[in-house]
Amino acid sequence: MSVKIGEKAPNFGVSEWVQGAPTNFDQEKDHIVVLEVFQVNCPGCFMHAIPEAINIYNKYKDEGVRVLGLATAFEDFDKNTLENLKKLVETGEVIGETKDALSSYGQLKEGNKLSYKIPFPLGMDNLTKTSGEISQEKIMEFIYPQIPDFDSQPDEYKNQIIERVKSYMKSKEYSAETFEKFALQGTPSMIIVDRKGILRDVSFGQSGHAEAIIEKLLKED
């Protein structure tokens, strides 16, 4: 499914809510929704993106802005698990590369625990074990959002990309519904939906422009 900015946002996939009440885009009518998509094993998510989301939560929670967190997995499937997300919520403990990076910057409390609490609802993306069958259609669904002019590229280039995507898909143990539905490029990613349920922005990495978008959306009727 190809999701487009300016069109109605489909609901994100969630297998379980580990903190806060269950919700989704279609249940947040009259709210601006900021969905922070992260991986438990992702240092940049915990050093930059989640603190930014907490900041947005604290600044705009009384103005009709809902911040939600969704843990996903597109790699390191042994670490980016529901169990490790639950451990994070229950104890504040982080794992893997997140633990190593935050520890080296002196940003952890004793017991490999985060120095901050995540105040908003947290869920786990819907992960499905992938079958061996990789159709041409699946490959093209993956390529087009990233390379819109793919069809006009030289054949040699196209074949290289198709082979690369095929081997990437073979290496994936699971497919993550939200990650794929919104054609995310990695984590952290932020998805912003307006009060009418229209998708307004999807950004990857530390964009720093979320507040400007929220301010703009708050002024809209």
C-alpha atoms as a PDB file:
ATOM      1  CA  MET A   1       0.000   0.000   0.000  1.00  0.00           C
ATOM      2  CA  SER A   2       1.346   3.384  -0.963  1.00  0.00           C
ATOM      3  CA  VAL A   3       0.700   6.054   1.658  1.00  0.00           C
ATOM      4  CA  LYS A   4       0.679   9.646   0.418  1.00  0.00           C
ATOM      5  CA  ILE A   5       1.171  12.950   2.224  1.00  0.00           C
ATOM      6  CA  GLY A   6      -2.048  14.942   2.003  1.00  0.00           C
ATOM      7  CA  GLU A   7      -4.279  11.858   1.995  1.00  0.00           C
ATOM      8  CA  LYS A   8      -6.057  10.069   4.850  1.00  0.00           C
ATOM      9  CA  ALA A   9      -3.553   8.241   7.026  1.00  0.00           C
ATOM     10  CA  PRO A  10      -4.190   4.510   7.338  1.00  0.00           C
ATOM     11  CA  ASN A  11      -3.981   3.106  10.848  1.00  0.00           C
ATOM     12  CA  PHE A  12      -0.553   1.973  11.986  1.00  0.00           C
ATOM     13  CA  GLY A  13      -0.026  -1.666  12.944  1.00  0.00           C
ATOM     14  CA  VAL A  14       0.276  -2.531  16.620  1.00  0.00           C
ATOM     15  CA  SER A  15       0.472  -5.987  18.191  1.00  0.00           C
ATOM     16  CA  GLU A  16       0.369  -4.877  21.814  1.00  0.00           C
ATOM     17  CA  TRP A  17       0.285  -1.699  23.898  1.00  0.00           C
ATOM     18  CA  VAL A  18       2.772  -1.920  26.756  1.00  0.00           C
ATOM     19  CA  GLN A  19       2.060   1.525  28.217  1.00  0.00           C
ATOM     20  CA  GLY A  20      -1.024   3.751  28.027  1.00  0.00           C
ATOM     21  CA  ALA A  21      -4.466   3.080  26.574  1.00  0.00           C
ATOM     22  CA  PRO A  22      -4.811   1.437  23.136  1.00  0.00           C
ATOM     23  CA  THR A  23      -5.466   3.934  20.337  1.00  0.00           C
ATOM     24  CA  ASN A  24      -4.849   4.620  16.637  1.00  0.00           C
ATOM     25  CA  PHE A  25      -5.101   7.431  14.100  1.00  0.00           C
ATOM     26  CA  ASP A  26      -8.841   6.913  13.528  1.00  0.00           C
ATOM     27  CA  GLN A  27      -9.523   7.125  17.282  1.00  0.00           C
ATOM     28  CA  GLU A  28      -7.718  10.444  17.732  1.00  0.00           C
ATOM     29  CA  LYS A  29     -10.254  12.687  16.007  1.00  0.00           C
ATOM     30  CA  ASP A  30      -9.661  16.403  16.674  1.00  0.00           C
ATOM     31  CA  HIS A  31      -6.121  15.671  17.863  1.00  0.00           C
ATOM     32  CA  ILE A  32      -2.878  16.244  16.025  1.00  0.00           C
ATOM     33  CA  VAL A  33      -0.994  12.928  16.342  1.00  0.00           C
ATOM     34  CA  VAL A  34       2.787  12.580  16.434  1.00  0.00           C
ATOM     35  CA  LEU A  35       3.906   8.939  16.119  1.00  0.00           C
ATOM     36  CA  GLU A  36       7.564   8.378  17.032  1.00  0.00           C
ATOM     37  CA  VAL A  37       8.728   5.100  15.449  1.00  0.00           C
ATOM     38  CA  PHE A  38      11.894   3.689  17.025  1.00  0.00           C
ATOM     39  CA  GLN A  39      13.782   0.465  17.652  1.00  0.00           C
ATOM     40  CA  VAL A  40      14.799  -0.682  21.120  1.00  0.00           C
ATOM     41  CA  ASN A  41      18.297  -1.366  19.736  1.00  0.00           C
ATOM     42  CA  CYS A  42      18.830   2.111  18.238  1.00  0.00           C
ATOM     43  CA  PRO A  43      21.171   4.540  20.062  1.00  0.00           C
ATOM     44  CA  GLY A  44      20.086   7.591  18.013  1.00  0.00           C
ATOM     45  CA  CYS A  45      16.455   6.934  18.942  1.00  0.00           C
ATOM     46  CA  PHE A  46      17.195   7.238  22.666  1.00  0.00           C
ATOM     47  CA  MET A  47      19.824   9.984  22.462  1.00  0.00           C
ATOM     48  CA  HIS A  48      17.860  12.335  20.212  1.00  0.00           C
ATOM     49  CA  ALA A  49      14.442  11.285  18.886  1.00  0.00           C
ATOM     50  CA  ILE A  50      12.675  10.105  22.044  1.00  0.00           C
ATOM     51  CA  PRO A  51      13.881  13.125  24.086  1.00  0.00           C
ATOM     52  CA  GLU A  52      12.578  15.332  21.219  1.00  0.00           C
ATOM     53  CA  ALA A  53       9.210  13.501  21.342  1.00  0.00           C
ATOM     54  CA  ILE A  54       9.061  13.936  25.152  1.00  0.00           C
ATOM     55  CA  ASN A  55       9.756  17.629  24.654  1.00  0.00           C
ATOM     56  CA  ILE A  56       6.889  17.875  22.150  1.00  0.00           C
ATOM     57  CA  TYR A  57       4.641  15.935  24.555  1.00  0.00           C
ATOM     58  CA  ASN A  58       5.400  18.292  27.462  1.00  0.00           C
ATOM     59  CA  LYS A  59       5.043  21.436  25.349  1.00  0.00           C
ATOM     60  CA  TYR A  60       1.838  20.604  23.457  1.00  0.00           C
ATOM     61  CA  LYS A  61      -0.078  17.976  25.502  1.00  0.00           C
ATOM     62  CA  ASP A  62      -2.615  20.584  26.653  1.00  0.00           C
ATOM     63  CA  GLU A  63      -3.115  21.943  23.130  1.00  0.00           C
ATOM     64  CA  GLY A  64      -4.651  18.856  21.540  1.00  0.00           C
ATOM     65  CA  VAL A  65      -1.431  17.164  20.413  1.00  0.00           C
ATOM     66  CA  ARG A  66      -1.119  13.427  21.090  1.00  0.00           C
ATOM     67  CA  VAL A  67       2.346  11.866  21.129  1.00  0.00           C
ATOM     68  CA  LEU A  68       2.597   8.088  20.728  1.00  0.00           C
ATOM     69  CA  GLY A  69       5.613   5.786  20.565  1.00  0.00           C
ATOM     70  CA  LEU A  70       5.835   2.645  18.427  1.00  0.00           C
ATOM     71  CA  ALA A  71       8.732   0.205  18.628  1.00  0.00           C
ATOM     72  CA  THR A  72       9.403  -1.582  15.339  1.00  0.00           C
ATOM     73  CA  ALA A  73      12.003  -4.007  13.949  1.00  0.00           C
ATOM     74  CA  PHE A  74      13.625  -4.088  10.525  1.00  0.00           C
ATOM     75  CA  GLU A  75      16.952  -5.572  11.720  1.00  0.00           C
ATOM     76  CA  ASP A  76      18.460  -7.150  14.875  1.00  0.00           C
ATOM     77  CA  PHE A  77      15.272  -9.156  15.372  1.00  0.00           C
ATOM     78  CA  ASP A  78      16.786 -10.864  18.424  1.00  0.00           C
ATOM     79  CA  LYS A  79      17.080  -7.494  20.214  1.00  0.00           C
ATOM     80  CA  ASN A  80      14.182  -5.437  18.855  1.00  0.00           C
ATOM     81  CA  THR A  81      11.590  -7.543  20.635  1.00  0.00           C
ATOM     82  CA  LEU A  82       8.374  -7.051  22.575  1.00  0.00           C
ATOM     83  CA  GLU A  83      10.144  -8.519  25.641  1.00  0.00           C
ATOM     84  CA  ASN A  84      12.864  -5.857  25.516  1.00  0.00           C
ATOM     85  CA  LEU A  85      10.267  -3.119  25.031  1.00  0.00           C
ATOM     86  CA  LYS A  86       8.407  -4.384  28.113  1.00  0.00           C
ATOM     87  CA  LYS A  87      11.669  -4.445  30.071  1.00  0.00           C
ATOM     88  CA  LEU A  88      12.285  -0.825  29.042  1.00  0.00           C
ATOM     89  CA  VAL A  89       8.814   0.238  30.208  1.00  0.00           C
ATOM     90  CA  GLU A  90       8.852  -1.740  33.453  1.00  0.00           C
ATOM     91  CA  THR A  91      12.425  -1.064  34.604  1.00  0.00           C
ATOM     92  CA  GLY A  92      13.893   1.661  32.345  1.00  0.00           C
ATOM     93  CA  GLU A  93      16.613  -0.790  31.295  1.00  0.00           C
ATOM     94  CA  VAL A  94      18.088  -0.536  27.782  1.00  0.00           C
ATOM     95  CA  ILE A  95      19.963  -3.187  25.813  1.00  0.00           C
ATOM     96  CA  GLY A  96      22.495  -3.788  23.024  1.00  0.00           C
ATOM     97  CA  GLU A  97      23.914  -0.848  21.080  1.00  0.00           C
ATOM     98  CA  THR A  98      21.576   1.557  22.891  1.00  0.00           C
ATOM     99  CA  LYS A  99      23.100   0.512  26.221  1.00  0.00           C
ATOM    100  CA  ASP A 100      26.682   0.724  24.857  1.00  0.00           C
ATOM    101  CA  ALA A 101      26.235   4.174  23.307  1.00  0.00           C
ATOM    102  CA  LEU A 102      24.343   5.793  26.191  1.00  0.00           C
ATOM    103  CA  SER A 103      26.770   4.263  28.677  1.00  0.00           C
ATOM    104  CA  SER A 104      29.798   5.659  26.832  1.00  0.00           C
ATOM    105  CA  TYR A 105      28.218   9.142  26.915  1.00  0.00           C
ATOM    106  CA  GLY A 106      27.474   8.803  30.633  1.00  0.00           C
ATOM    107  CA  GLN A 107      23.733   8.998  29.994  1.00  0.00           C
ATOM    108  CA  LEU A 108      22.607   5.924  31.962  1.00  0.00           C
ATOM    109  CA  LYS A 109      21.702   5.462  35.594  1.00  0.00           C
ATOM    110  CA  GLU A 110      22.903   2.457  37.555  1.00  0.00           C
ATOM    111  CA  GLY A 111      21.668  -0.866  36.158  1.00  0.00           C
ATOM    112  CA  ASN A 112      21.792   0.334  32.516  1.00  0.00           C
ATOM    113  CA  LYS A 113      18.664   2.404  33.049  1.00  0.00           C
ATOM    114  CA  LEU A 114      17.487   5.463  31.137  1.00  0.00           C
ATOM    115  CA  SER A 115      17.916   8.766  32.928  1.00  0.00           C
ATOM    116  CA  TYR A 116      14.407   9.801  31.827  1.00  0.00           C
ATOM    117  CA  LYS A 117      10.905   8.289  31.796  1.00  0.00           C
ATOM    118  CA  ILE A 118       8.853   8.058  28.595  1.00  0.00           C
ATOM    119  CA  PRO A 119       5.478   9.640  29.513  1.00  0.00           C
ATOM    120  CA  PHE A 120       3.361   8.783  26.459  1.00  0.00           C
ATOM    121  CA  PRO A 121       1.680   5.528  25.280  1.00  0.00           C
ATOM    122  CA  LEU A 122       4.025   2.892  23.811  1.00  0.00           C
ATOM    123  CA  GLY A 123       3.128   0.005  21.534  1.00  0.00           C
ATOM    124  CA  MET A 124       4.887  -2.667  19.476  1.00  0.00           C
ATOM    125  CA  ASP A 125       4.583  -2.761  15.694  1.00  0.00           C
ATOM    126  CA  ASN A 126       2.827  -5.738  14.149  1.00  0.00           C
ATOM    127  CA  LEU A 127       5.588  -8.175  13.140  1.00  0.00           C
ATOM    128  CA  THR A 128       4.866 -11.088  10.818  1.00  0.00           C
ATOM    129  CA  LYS A 129       7.273 -13.934  10.147  1.00  0.00           C
ATOM    130  CA  THR A 130       8.217 -13.670   6.488  1.00  0.00           C
ATOM    131  CA  SER A 131       7.678 -16.591   4.150  1.00  0.00           C
ATOM    132  CA  GLY A 132      10.298 -17.575   1.594  1.00  0.00           C
ATOM    133  CA  GLU A 133       8.245 -16.325  -1.356  1.00  0.00           C
ATOM    134  CA  ILE A 134       9.356 -12.884  -2.623  1.00  0.00           C
ATOM    135  CA  SER A 135       7.145 -11.755  -5.479  1.00  0.00           C
ATOM    136  CA  GLN A 136       8.126  -9.207  -8.121  1.00  0.00           C
ATOM    137  CA  GLU A 137       5.152  -7.151  -6.932  1.00  0.00           C
ATOM    138  CA  LYS A 138       6.520  -7.015  -3.351  1.00  0.00           C
ATOM    139  CA  ILE A 139       9.917  -5.946  -4.660  1.00  0.00           C
ATOM    140  CA  MET A 140       8.418  -3.122  -6.728  1.00  0.00           C
ATOM    141  CA  GLU A 141       6.231  -1.966  -3.810  1.00  0.00           C
ATOM    142  CA  PHE A 142       9.437  -1.552  -1.837  1.00  0.00           C
ATOM    143  CA  ILE A 143      11.361   0.239  -4.623  1.00  0.00           C
ATOM    144  CA  TYR A 144       8.869   2.823  -5.942  1.00  0.00           C
ATOM    145  CA  PRO A 145       8.519   4.966  -2.777  1.00  0.00           C
ATOM    146  CA  GLN A 146      12.332   5.236  -2.578  1.00  0.00           C
ATOM    147  CA  ILE A 147      13.026   5.658  -6.330  1.00  0.00           C
ATOM    148  CA  PRO A 148       9.902   7.210  -7.929  1.00  0.00           C
ATOM    149  CA  ASP A 149      11.538   7.437 -11.412  1.00  0.00           C
ATOM    150  CA  PHE A 150      12.740   3.818 -11.258  1.00  0.00           C
ATOM    151  CA  ASP A 151      11.083   2.839 -14.580  1.00  0.00           C
ATOM    152  CA  SER A 152      13.103   5.410 -16.529  1.00  0.00           C
ATOM    153  CA  GLN A 153      16.461   4.182 -15.195  1.00  0.00           C
ATOM    154  CA  PRO A 154      18.924   2.103 -17.296  1.00  0.00           C
ATOM    155  CA  ASP A 155      18.246  -1.664 -17.255  1.00  0.00           C
ATOM    156  CA  GLU A 156      21.580  -2.516 -15.662  1.00  0.00           C
ATOM    157  CA  TYR A 157      20.867  -0.161 -12.743  1.00  0.00           C
ATOM    158  CA  LYS A 158      17.321  -1.519 -12.364  1.00  0.00           C
ATOM    159  CA  ASN A 159      18.552  -5.122 -12.245  1.00  0.00           C
ATOM    160  CA  GLN A 160      21.148  -4.234  -9.607  1.00  0.00           C
ATOM    161  CA  ILE A 161      18.524  -2.564  -7.413  1.00  0.00           C
ATOM    162  CA  ILE A 162      16.079  -5.475  -7.815  1.00  0.00           C
ATOM    163  CA  GLU A 163      18.779  -7.980  -6.806  1.00  0.00           C
ATOM    164  CA  ARG A 164      19.779  -5.835  -3.828  1.00  0.00           C
ATOM    165  CA  VAL A 165      16.182  -5.532  -2.616  1.00  0.00           C
ATOM    166  CA  LYS A 166      15.642  -9.265  -3.139  1.00  0.00           C
ATOM    167  CA  SER A 167      18.644 -10.176  -0.989  1.00  0.00           C
ATOM    168  CA  TYR A 168      17.571  -7.623   1.654  1.00  0.00           C
ATOM    169  CA  MET A 169      14.103  -9.184   1.764  1.00  0.00           C
ATOM    170  CA  LYS A 170      15.577 -12.686   2.028  1.00  0.00           C
ATOM    171  CA  SER A 171      17.653 -11.563   5.032  1.00  0.00           C
ATOM    172  CA  LYS A 172      14.582 -10.282   6.869  1.00  0.00           C
ATOM    173  CA  GLU A 173      13.056 -12.674   9.348  1.00  0.00           C
ATOM    174  CA  TYR A 174      10.024 -10.499   9.954  1.00  0.00           C
ATOM    175  CA  SER A 175       8.045  -7.888   8.146  1.00  0.00           C
ATOM    176  CA  ALA A 176       6.875  -4.918  10.243  1.00  0.00           C
ATOM    177  CA  GLU A 177       3.458  -3.562   9.247  1.00  0.00           C
ATOM    178  CA  THR A 178       3.872   0.124  10.133  1.00  0.00           C
ATOM    179  CA  PHE A 179       7.466   0.313   8.904  1.00  0.00           C
ATOM    180  CA  GLU A 180       6.445  -1.036   5.501  1.00  0.00           C
ATOM    181  CA  LYS A 181       3.034   0.621   5.197  1.00  0.00           C
ATOM    182  CA  PHE A 182       4.567   4.084   5.600  1.00  0.00           C
ATOM    183  CA  ALA A 183       7.703   3.154   3.576  1.00  0.00           C
ATOM    184  CA  LEU A 184       9.966   4.294   6.423  1.00  0.00           C
ATOM    185  CA  GLN A 185      13.671   4.548   5.649  1.00  0.00           C
ATOM    186  CA  GLY A 186      14.902   3.574   9.108  1.00  0.00           C
ATOM    187  CA  THR A 187      14.617   4.595  12.744  1.00  0.00           C
ATOM    188  CA  PRO A 188      13.984   7.001  14.279  1.00  0.00           C
ATOM    189  CA  SER A 189      11.099   8.127  12.068  1.00  0.00           C
ATOM    190  CA  MET A 190       8.292  10.527  12.894  1.00  0.00           C
ATOM    191  CA  ILE A 191       4.801  10.420  11.384  1.00  0.00           C
ATOM    192  CA  ILE A 192       2.517  13.463  11.830  1.00  0.00           C
ATOM    193  CA  VAL A 193      -1.247  13.341  11.218  1.00  0.00           C
ATOM    194  CA  ASP A 194      -3.521  16.393  11.470  1.00  0.00           C
ATOM    195  CA  ARG A 195      -6.854  16.818  13.290  1.00  0.00           C
ATOM    196  CA  LYS A 196      -8.777  15.532  10.271  1.00  0.00           C
ATOM    197  CA  GLY A 197      -6.718  12.334  10.088  1.00  0.00           C
ATOM    198  CA  ILE A 198      -4.700  13.496   7.067  1.00  0.00           C
ATOM    199  CA  LEU A 199      -1.044  12.436   6.829  1.00  0.00           C
ATOM    200  CA  ARG A 200       1.042  15.622   6.853  1.00  0.00           C
ATOM    201  CA  ASP A 201       4.648  14.532   7.313  1.00  0.00           C
ATOM    202  CA  VAL A 202       6.901  11.461   7.449  1.00  0.00           C
ATOM    203  CA  SER A 203      10.510  12.157   8.358  1.00  0.00           C
ATOM    204  CA  PHE A 204      13.549  10.002   9.037  1.00  0.00           C
ATOM    205  CA  GLY A 205      16.315  10.819  11.498  1.00  0.00           C
ATOM    206  CA  GLN A 206      16.767  13.957  13.517  1.00  0.00           C
ATOM    207  CA  SER A 207      14.743  16.399  11.453  1.00  0.00           C
ATOM    208  CA  GLY A 208      14.242  19.192  13.986  1.00  0.00           C
ATOM    209  CA  HIS A 209      11.284  20.549  11.987  1.00  0.00           C
ATOM    210  CA  ALA A 210       8.471  18.785  13.890  1.00  0.00           C
ATOM    211  CA  GLU A 211       7.624  21.776  16.083  1.00  0.00           C
ATOM    212  CA  ALA A 212       7.275  24.080  13.083  1.00  0.00           C
ATOM    213  CA  ILE A 213       4.805  21.618  11.499  1.00  0.00           C
ATOM    214  CA  ILE A 214       2.848  21.270  14.762  1.00  0.00           C
ATOM    215  CA  GLU A 215       2.660  25.070  15.173  1.00  0.00           C
ATOM    216  CA  LYS A 216       1.323  25.331  11.615  1.00  0.00           C
ATOM    217  CA  LEU A 217      -1.261  22.584  12.181  1.00  0.00           C
ATOM    218  CA  LEU A 218      -2.452  24.151  15.434  1.00  0.00           C
ATOM    219  CA  LYS A 219      -3.371  27.308  13.490  1.00  0.00           C
ATOM    220  CA  GLU A 220      -5.505  25.368  10.994  1.00  0.00           C
ATOM    221  CA  ASP A 221      -9.272  25.086  11.558  1.00  0.00           C
END
